[in-house]
Amino acid sequence: MKLRIKGNSIRLRLGQSEVLRLAINGAVEDSTTFGPFKEQRFAYVLCASPSERGLSASFADQRMIIRVPWSIIHEWVTTEQVSIHALQRTGGDSDLRILIEKDFECIDGATDESQEDAFPNPQFGSACLPANAIERPA
């Protein structure tokens, strides 16, 4: 899962295996360690929630959690929908923009990152999982 934070915007990009893990397990987590102590670890989690009414992001204890209603995750995973986005009120002068995307192969191939888990670029093939690939968790 790739994370980009710029100003008041958060963007997550998920590869095929991460989207499948989210659909099956209800969550995907990753982290970055800045030093040897546990408080020097930053974690970020994307989770499907049956009780959420909309996208939300929170931050506490060096952990960012983005929650998305299960119905929205299910539609995103089982269709050609590329992204999920929302604005979250922060109570300040600006809103927090949240964007979750399927990570596609680069067309020009001019990247040093592995594209092994990326979705096939829509210009070259199917960009989504089949609808019968997942079932809603009990």
N, C-alpha and C. Protein backbone atom coordinates (compact mmCIF):
# COMPACT_ATOMS: atom_id res chain seq x y z
N MET A 1 0.87 -1.16 0.00
CA MET A 1 0.00 0.00 0.00
C MET A 1 0.91 1.22 0.00
N LYS A 2 0.68 2.08 -0.95
CA LYS A 2 1.46 3.31 -1.05
C LYS A 2 0.68 4.44 -0.39
N LEU A 3 1.40 5.28 0.33
CA LEU A 3 0.80 6.40 1.03
C LEU A 3 1.42 7.69 0.54
N ARG A 4 0.58 8.66 0.25
CA ARG A 4 1.05 10.00 -0.09
C ARG A 4 0.27 10.98 0.76
N ILE A 5 0.99 11.83 1.47
CA ILE A 5 0.37 12.88 2.26
C ILE A 5 0.94 14.20 1.75
N LYS A 6 0.05 15.09 1.38
CA LYS A 6 0.47 16.42 0.93
C LYS A 6 -0.54 17.41 1.46
N GLY A 7 -0.08 18.30 2.33
CA GLY A 7 -1.00 19.25 2.92
C GLY A 7 -2.14 18.52 3.62
N ASN A 8 -3.35 18.91 3.31
CA ASN A 8 -4.53 18.28 3.90
C ASN A 8 -5.13 17.24 2.96
N SER A 9 -4.27 16.43 2.37
CA SER A 9 -4.78 15.34 1.54
C SER A 9 -4.00 14.06 1.81
N ILE A 10 -4.73 12.97 1.80
CA ILE A 10 -4.17 11.63 2.00
C ILE A 10 -4.56 10.80 0.79
N ARG A 11 -3.58 10.12 0.18
CA ARG A 11 -3.88 9.23 -0.94
C ARG A 11 -3.25 7.87 -0.67
N LEU A 12 -4.06 6.85 -0.76
CA LEU A 12 -3.59 5.47 -0.65
C LEU A 12 -3.75 4.79 -2.00
N ARG A 13 -2.74 4.04 -2.41
CA ARG A 13 -2.83 3.23 -3.63
C ARG A 13 -2.57 1.79 -3.25
N LEU A 14 -3.49 0.92 -3.67
CA LEU A 14 -3.39 -0.49 -3.31
C LEU A 14 -3.17 -1.34 -4.55
N GLY A 15 -2.26 -2.31 -4.41
CA GLY A 15 -2.04 -3.31 -5.44
C GLY A 15 -3.11 -4.38 -5.38
N GLN A 16 -3.06 -5.31 -6.32
CA GLN A 16 -4.08 -6.35 -6.41
C GLN A 16 -4.16 -7.21 -5.15
N SER A 17 -3.02 -7.63 -4.62
CA SER A 17 -3.06 -8.49 -3.43
C SER A 17 -3.59 -7.74 -2.22
N GLU A 18 -3.31 -6.45 -2.13
CA GLU A 18 -3.82 -5.64 -1.01
C GLU A 18 -5.32 -5.43 -1.10
N VAL A 19 -5.82 -5.22 -2.31
CA VAL A 19 -7.26 -5.08 -2.49
C VAL A 19 -7.96 -6.39 -2.13
N LEU A 20 -7.38 -7.50 -2.54
CA LEU A 20 -7.95 -8.80 -2.20
C LEU A 20 -7.91 -9.04 -0.69
N ARG A 21 -6.80 -8.69 -0.04
CA ARG A 21 -6.68 -8.83 1.42
C ARG A 21 -7.70 -7.95 2.14
N LEU A 22 -7.90 -6.74 1.65
CA LEU A 22 -8.91 -5.85 2.23
C LEU A 22 -10.29 -6.48 2.12
N ALA A 23 -10.59 -7.05 0.95
CA ALA A 23 -11.89 -7.67 0.73
C ALA A 23 -12.11 -8.89 1.61
N ILE A 24 -11.07 -9.68 1.82
CA ILE A 24 -11.19 -10.91 2.59
C ILE A 24 -11.09 -10.65 4.09
N ASN A 25 -10.08 -9.88 4.51
CA ASN A 25 -9.80 -9.67 5.94
C ASN A 25 -10.45 -8.42 6.52
N GLY A 26 -10.86 -7.50 5.65
CA GLY A 26 -11.47 -6.28 6.13
C GLY A 26 -10.49 -5.18 6.50
N ALA A 27 -9.17 -5.44 6.32
CA ALA A 27 -8.18 -4.42 6.65
C ALA A 27 -6.86 -4.70 5.95
N VAL A 28 -6.13 -3.63 5.70
CA VAL A 28 -4.77 -3.69 5.18
C VAL A 28 -3.96 -2.69 5.99
N GLU A 29 -2.78 -3.11 6.45
CA GLU A 29 -1.95 -2.23 7.27
C GLU A 29 -0.52 -2.26 6.77
N ASP A 30 0.15 -1.13 6.90
CA ASP A 30 1.56 -1.03 6.58
C ASP A 30 2.18 -0.06 7.57
N SER A 31 3.50 0.03 7.59
CA SER A 31 4.15 0.93 8.54
C SER A 31 5.52 1.35 8.03
N THR A 32 6.03 2.39 8.64
CA THR A 32 7.37 2.89 8.39
C THR A 32 8.04 3.05 9.75
N THR A 33 9.26 2.52 9.87
CA THR A 33 10.00 2.61 11.11
C THR A 33 11.12 3.64 10.94
N PHE A 34 11.16 4.61 11.85
CA PHE A 34 12.14 5.69 11.78
C PHE A 34 13.32 5.47 12.72
N GLY A 35 13.21 4.52 13.63
CA GLY A 35 14.27 4.26 14.58
C GLY A 35 13.99 3.00 15.38
N PRO A 36 14.82 2.70 16.37
CA PRO A 36 14.71 1.43 17.09
C PRO A 36 13.59 1.35 18.12
N PHE A 37 12.97 2.47 18.45
CA PHE A 37 11.94 2.45 19.50
C PHE A 37 10.55 2.37 18.90
N LYS A 38 9.63 1.74 19.66
CA LYS A 38 8.28 1.55 19.13
C LYS A 38 7.56 2.86 18.83
N GLU A 39 7.88 3.92 19.56
CA GLU A 39 7.25 5.21 19.28
C GLU A 39 7.83 5.89 18.04
N GLN A 40 8.80 5.26 17.41
CA GLN A 40 9.38 5.77 16.16
C GLN A 40 8.83 5.01 14.95
N ARG A 41 7.71 4.37 15.14
CA ARG A 41 7.05 3.63 14.06
C ARG A 41 5.74 4.33 13.73
N PHE A 42 5.53 4.58 12.46
CA PHE A 42 4.29 5.18 11.98
C PHE A 42 3.53 4.11 11.22
N ALA A 43 2.30 3.82 11.61
CA ALA A 43 1.48 2.80 10.96
C ALA A 43 0.28 3.46 10.29
N TYR A 44 -0.16 2.86 9.20
CA TYR A 44 -1.37 3.33 8.54
C TYR A 44 -2.20 2.13 8.14
N VAL A 45 -3.51 2.27 8.34
CA VAL A 45 -4.45 1.17 8.18
C VAL A 45 -5.64 1.63 7.36
N LEU A 46 -6.06 0.78 6.44
CA LEU A 46 -7.30 0.98 5.69
C LEU A 46 -8.21 -0.17 6.09
N CYS A 47 -9.39 0.16 6.60
CA CYS A 47 -10.28 -0.93 7.01
C CYS A 47 -11.71 -0.70 6.55
N ALA A 48 -12.34 -1.81 6.22
CA ALA A 48 -13.76 -1.82 5.86
C ALA A 48 -14.55 -1.94 7.15
N SER A 49 -15.56 -1.11 7.27
CA SER A 49 -16.33 -1.08 8.52
C SER A 49 -17.82 -1.21 8.21
N PRO A 50 -18.49 -2.18 8.83
CA PRO A 50 -19.93 -2.31 8.60
C PRO A 50 -20.73 -1.19 9.26
N SER A 51 -20.13 -0.51 10.24
CA SER A 51 -20.90 0.51 10.98
C SER A 51 -20.65 1.94 10.51
N GLU A 52 -19.64 2.17 9.68
CA GLU A 52 -19.36 3.52 9.20
C GLU A 52 -20.41 3.95 8.19
N ARG A 53 -20.73 5.25 8.20
CA ARG A 53 -21.70 5.79 7.24
C ARG A 53 -20.99 6.46 6.07
N GLY A 54 -19.71 6.81 6.26
CA GLY A 54 -18.92 7.45 5.22
C GLY A 54 -17.45 7.25 5.50
N LEU A 55 -16.60 7.70 4.59
CA LEU A 55 -15.16 7.61 4.81
C LEU A 55 -14.77 8.48 5.98
N SER A 56 -13.81 8.01 6.77
CA SER A 56 -13.29 8.82 7.86
C SER A 56 -11.82 8.49 8.08
N ALA A 57 -11.08 9.47 8.55
CA ALA A 57 -9.67 9.28 8.88
C ALA A 57 -9.45 9.78 10.30
N SER A 58 -8.62 9.05 11.04
CA SER A 58 -8.27 9.47 12.38
C SER A 58 -6.79 9.19 12.61
N PHE A 59 -6.23 9.83 13.63
CA PHE A 59 -4.82 9.64 13.94
C PHE A 59 -4.63 9.66 15.45
N ALA A 60 -3.99 8.62 15.98
CA ALA A 60 -3.67 8.54 17.40
C ALA A 60 -2.59 7.48 17.59
N ASP A 61 -1.72 7.69 18.55
CA ASP A 61 -0.67 6.73 18.89
C ASP A 61 0.16 6.30 17.68
N GLN A 62 0.62 7.24 16.92
CA GLN A 62 1.45 7.02 15.73
C GLN A 62 0.75 6.16 14.67
N ARG A 63 -0.57 6.17 14.64
CA ARG A 63 -1.32 5.31 13.73
C ARG A 63 -2.44 6.10 13.05
N MET A 64 -2.44 6.07 11.72
CA MET A 64 -3.51 6.68 10.95
C MET A 64 -4.45 5.56 10.52
N ILE A 65 -5.73 5.77 10.77
CA ILE A 65 -6.73 4.76 10.39
C ILE A 65 -7.75 5.41 9.47
N ILE A 66 -7.92 4.80 8.31
CA ILE A 66 -8.96 5.24 7.38
C ILE A 66 -10.02 4.15 7.35
N ARG A 67 -11.25 4.55 7.67
CA ARG A 67 -12.37 3.61 7.70
C ARG A 67 -13.31 3.92 6.54
N VAL A 68 -13.77 2.85 5.90
CA VAL A 68 -14.66 2.98 4.75
C VAL A 68 -15.81 2.01 4.95
N PRO A 69 -17.03 2.44 4.69
CA PRO A 69 -18.15 1.50 4.80
C PRO A 69 -17.93 0.27 3.92
N TRP A 70 -18.32 -0.89 4.46
CA TRP A 70 -18.15 -2.14 3.74
C TRP A 70 -18.80 -2.08 2.36
N SER A 71 -19.98 -1.50 2.25
CA SER A 71 -20.69 -1.46 0.97
C SER A 71 -19.88 -0.71 -0.10
N ILE A 72 -19.19 0.34 0.31
CA ILE A 72 -18.35 1.10 -0.64
C ILE A 72 -17.14 0.27 -1.05
N ILE A 73 -16.51 -0.40 -0.08
CA ILE A 73 -15.37 -1.27 -0.39
C ILE A 73 -15.80 -2.38 -1.34
N HIS A 74 -16.93 -3.01 -1.06
CA HIS A 74 -17.41 -4.11 -1.90
C HIS A 74 -17.61 -3.66 -3.35
N GLU A 75 -18.24 -2.52 -3.53
CA GLU A 75 -18.45 -2.01 -4.89
C GLU A 75 -17.13 -1.70 -5.58
N TRP A 76 -16.19 -1.09 -4.86
CA TRP A 76 -14.89 -0.73 -5.41
C TRP A 76 -14.11 -1.97 -5.85
N VAL A 77 -14.15 -3.00 -5.03
CA VAL A 77 -13.39 -4.23 -5.30
C VAL A 77 -13.99 -5.02 -6.46
N THR A 78 -15.30 -5.03 -6.58
CA THR A 78 -15.96 -5.92 -7.55
C THR A 78 -16.36 -5.25 -8.86
N THR A 79 -15.97 -3.99 -9.05
CA THR A 79 -16.31 -3.30 -10.29
C THR A 79 -15.06 -2.67 -10.89
N GLU A 80 -15.24 -1.97 -11.97
CA GLU A 80 -14.12 -1.26 -12.60
C GLU A 80 -13.87 0.11 -11.97
N GLN A 81 -14.57 0.41 -10.89
CA GLN A 81 -14.36 1.68 -10.18
C GLN A 81 -12.90 1.77 -9.76
N VAL A 82 -12.26 2.89 -10.07
CA VAL A 82 -10.84 3.08 -9.82
C VAL A 82 -10.56 3.66 -8.44
N SER A 83 -11.42 4.58 -7.98
CA SER A 83 -11.09 5.29 -6.74
C SER A 83 -12.31 5.50 -5.85
N ILE A 84 -11.99 5.80 -4.61
CA ILE A 84 -12.97 6.19 -3.60
C ILE A 84 -12.45 7.51 -3.03
N HIS A 85 -13.30 8.48 -2.90
CA HIS A 85 -12.82 9.76 -2.37
C HIS A 85 -13.87 10.42 -1.50
N ALA A 86 -13.38 11.28 -0.61
CA ALA A 86 -14.28 12.01 0.29
C ALA A 86 -13.55 13.22 0.85
N LEU A 87 -14.35 14.14 1.36
CA LEU A 87 -13.84 15.28 2.12
C LEU A 87 -14.29 15.09 3.56
N GLN A 88 -13.37 15.27 4.49
CA GLN A 88 -13.70 15.16 5.90
C GLN A 88 -13.54 16.52 6.55
N ARG A 89 -14.57 16.97 7.23
CA ARG A 89 -14.50 18.24 7.95
C ARG A 89 -13.48 18.11 9.07
N THR A 90 -12.63 19.12 9.22
CA THR A 90 -11.61 19.08 10.27
C THR A 90 -11.89 20.06 11.38
N GLY A 91 -12.87 20.93 11.17
CA GLY A 91 -13.16 21.94 12.17
C GLY A 91 -12.27 23.15 12.04
N GLY A 92 -11.34 23.12 11.11
CA GLY A 92 -10.45 24.24 10.88
C GLY A 92 -10.82 24.97 9.61
N ASP A 93 -9.82 25.60 9.02
CA ASP A 93 -10.04 26.39 7.80
C ASP A 93 -10.15 25.54 6.54
N SER A 94 -9.70 24.27 6.60
CA SER A 94 -9.76 23.45 5.40
C SER A 94 -10.20 22.03 5.74
N ASP A 95 -10.66 21.32 4.74
CA ASP A 95 -11.09 19.94 4.90
C ASP A 95 -9.94 19.00 4.61
N LEU A 96 -10.06 17.76 5.08
CA LEU A 96 -9.10 16.72 4.78
C LEU A 96 -9.62 15.94 3.57
N ARG A 97 -8.83 15.90 2.51
CA ARG A 97 -9.20 15.13 1.33
C ARG A 97 -8.66 13.72 1.47
N ILE A 98 -9.51 12.73 1.21
CA ILE A 98 -9.12 11.32 1.30
C ILE A 98 -9.37 10.69 -0.06
N LEU A 99 -8.35 10.02 -0.60
CA LEU A 99 -8.44 9.36 -1.89
C LEU A 99 -7.83 7.97 -1.77
N ILE A 100 -8.56 6.97 -2.19
CA ILE A 100 -8.09 5.58 -2.20
C ILE A 100 -8.20 5.09 -3.64
N GLU A 101 -7.10 4.55 -4.17
CA GLU A 101 -7.07 4.16 -5.58
C GLU A 101 -6.50 2.76 -5.77
N LYS A 102 -6.91 2.14 -6.85
CA LYS A 102 -6.24 0.93 -7.32
C LYS A 102 -4.95 1.37 -7.99
N ASP A 103 -3.86 0.68 -7.72
CA ASP A 103 -2.56 1.05 -8.26
C ASP A 103 -2.37 0.34 -9.60
N PHE A 104 -2.27 1.13 -10.66
CA PHE A 104 -2.12 0.59 -12.01
C PHE A 104 -0.67 0.57 -12.48
N GLU A 105 -0.38 -0.33 -13.39
CA GLU A 105 0.94 -0.37 -14.02
C GLU A 105 1.18 0.95 -14.74
N CYS A 106 2.42 1.41 -14.70
CA CYS A 106 2.78 2.61 -15.44
C CYS A 106 2.83 2.28 -16.93
N ILE A 107 2.31 3.16 -17.73
CA ILE A 107 2.29 2.94 -19.17
C ILE A 107 3.70 3.00 -19.75
N ASP A 108 4.46 4.01 -19.32
CA ASP A 108 5.79 4.20 -19.90
C ASP A 108 6.86 3.33 -19.25
N GLY A 109 6.55 2.70 -18.12
CA GLY A 109 7.51 1.81 -17.47
C GLY A 109 8.73 2.54 -16.91
N ALA A 110 8.67 3.84 -16.80
CA ALA A 110 9.82 4.62 -16.34
C ALA A 110 9.81 4.78 -14.82
N THR A 111 9.63 3.70 -14.11
CA THR A 111 9.64 3.77 -12.65
C THR A 111 10.61 2.74 -12.10
N ASP A 112 11.20 3.05 -10.97
CA ASP A 112 12.13 2.12 -10.32
C ASP A 112 11.39 1.16 -9.39
N GLU A 113 10.10 1.41 -9.16
CA GLU A 113 9.30 0.56 -8.28
C GLU A 113 8.85 -0.70 -9.02
N SER A 114 8.73 -1.78 -8.27
CA SER A 114 8.19 -3.01 -8.84
C SER A 114 6.72 -2.79 -9.18
N GLN A 115 6.32 -3.27 -10.33
CA GLN A 115 4.91 -3.17 -10.75
C GLN A 115 4.24 -4.54 -10.75
N GLU A 116 4.90 -5.48 -10.14
CA GLU A 116 4.45 -6.86 -10.12
C GLU A 116 3.03 -7.04 -9.56
N ASP A 117 2.65 -6.25 -8.54
CA ASP A 117 1.34 -6.39 -7.91
C ASP A 117 0.33 -5.36 -8.41
N ALA A 118 0.76 -4.51 -9.35
CA ALA A 118 -0.13 -3.46 -9.85
C ALA A 118 -1.24 -4.06 -10.70
N PHE A 119 -2.36 -3.35 -10.75
CA PHE A 119 -3.45 -3.74 -11.62
C PHE A 119 -3.02 -3.52 -13.07
N PRO A 120 -3.50 -4.35 -13.97
CA PRO A 120 -3.21 -4.09 -15.38
C PRO A 120 -3.75 -2.72 -15.77
N ASN A 121 -2.98 -1.98 -16.52
CA ASN A 121 -3.44 -0.66 -16.95
C ASN A 121 -4.70 -0.84 -17.79
N PRO A 122 -5.75 -0.03 -17.55
CA PRO A 122 -7.01 -0.18 -18.28
C PRO A 122 -6.85 -0.11 -19.80
N GLN A 123 -5.78 0.51 -20.27
CA GLN A 123 -5.55 0.58 -21.71
C GLN A 123 -5.07 -0.75 -22.27
N PHE A 124 -4.64 -1.67 -21.36
CA PHE A 124 -4.09 -2.95 -21.81
C PHE A 124 -4.85 -4.17 -21.32
N GLY A 125 -5.86 -4.01 -20.43
CA GLY A 125 -6.58 -5.18 -19.93
C GLY A 125 -7.53 -4.84 -18.81
N SER A 126 -8.05 -5.84 -18.17
CA SER A 126 -9.03 -5.68 -17.09
C SER A 126 -8.39 -5.05 -15.86
N ALA A 127 -9.12 -4.15 -15.21
CA ALA A 127 -8.58 -3.42 -14.07
C ALA A 127 -9.30 -3.71 -12.76
N CYS A 128 -10.04 -4.81 -12.70
CA CYS A 128 -10.74 -5.06 -11.44
C CYS A 128 -10.87 -6.56 -11.19
N LEU A 129 -11.20 -6.90 -9.98
CA LEU A 129 -11.44 -8.28 -9.61
C LEU A 129 -12.86 -8.67 -10.02
N PRO A 130 -13.07 -9.92 -10.37
CA PRO A 130 -14.44 -10.33 -10.70
C PRO A 130 -15.35 -10.25 -9.48
N ALA A 131 -16.61 -10.01 -9.71
CA ALA A 131 -17.58 -9.83 -8.62
C ALA A 131 -17.65 -11.03 -7.69
N ASN A 132 -17.39 -12.23 -8.19
CA ASN A 132 -17.49 -13.42 -7.35
C ASN A 132 -16.18 -13.74 -6.61
N ALA A 133 -15.20 -12.82 -6.66
CA ALA A 133 -13.91 -13.06 -6.02
C ALA A 133 -13.98 -12.90 -4.51
N ILE A 134 -14.97 -12.19 -4.01
CA ILE A 134 -15.07 -11.98 -2.56
C ILE A 134 -16.48 -12.18 -2.08
N GLU A 135 -16.58 -12.40 -0.82
CA GLU A 135 -17.86 -12.47 -0.14
C GLU A 135 -17.80 -11.52 1.05
N ARG A 136 -18.93 -10.99 1.42
CA ARG A 136 -18.98 -10.09 2.58
C ARG A 136 -18.68 -10.89 3.84
N PRO A 137 -17.81 -10.33 4.72
CA PRO A 137 -17.49 -11.05 5.97
C PRO A 137 -18.72 -11.13 6.87
N ALA A 138 -18.78 -12.21 7.63
CA ALA A 138 -19.90 -12.43 8.55
C ALA A 138 -19.80 -11.55 9.76
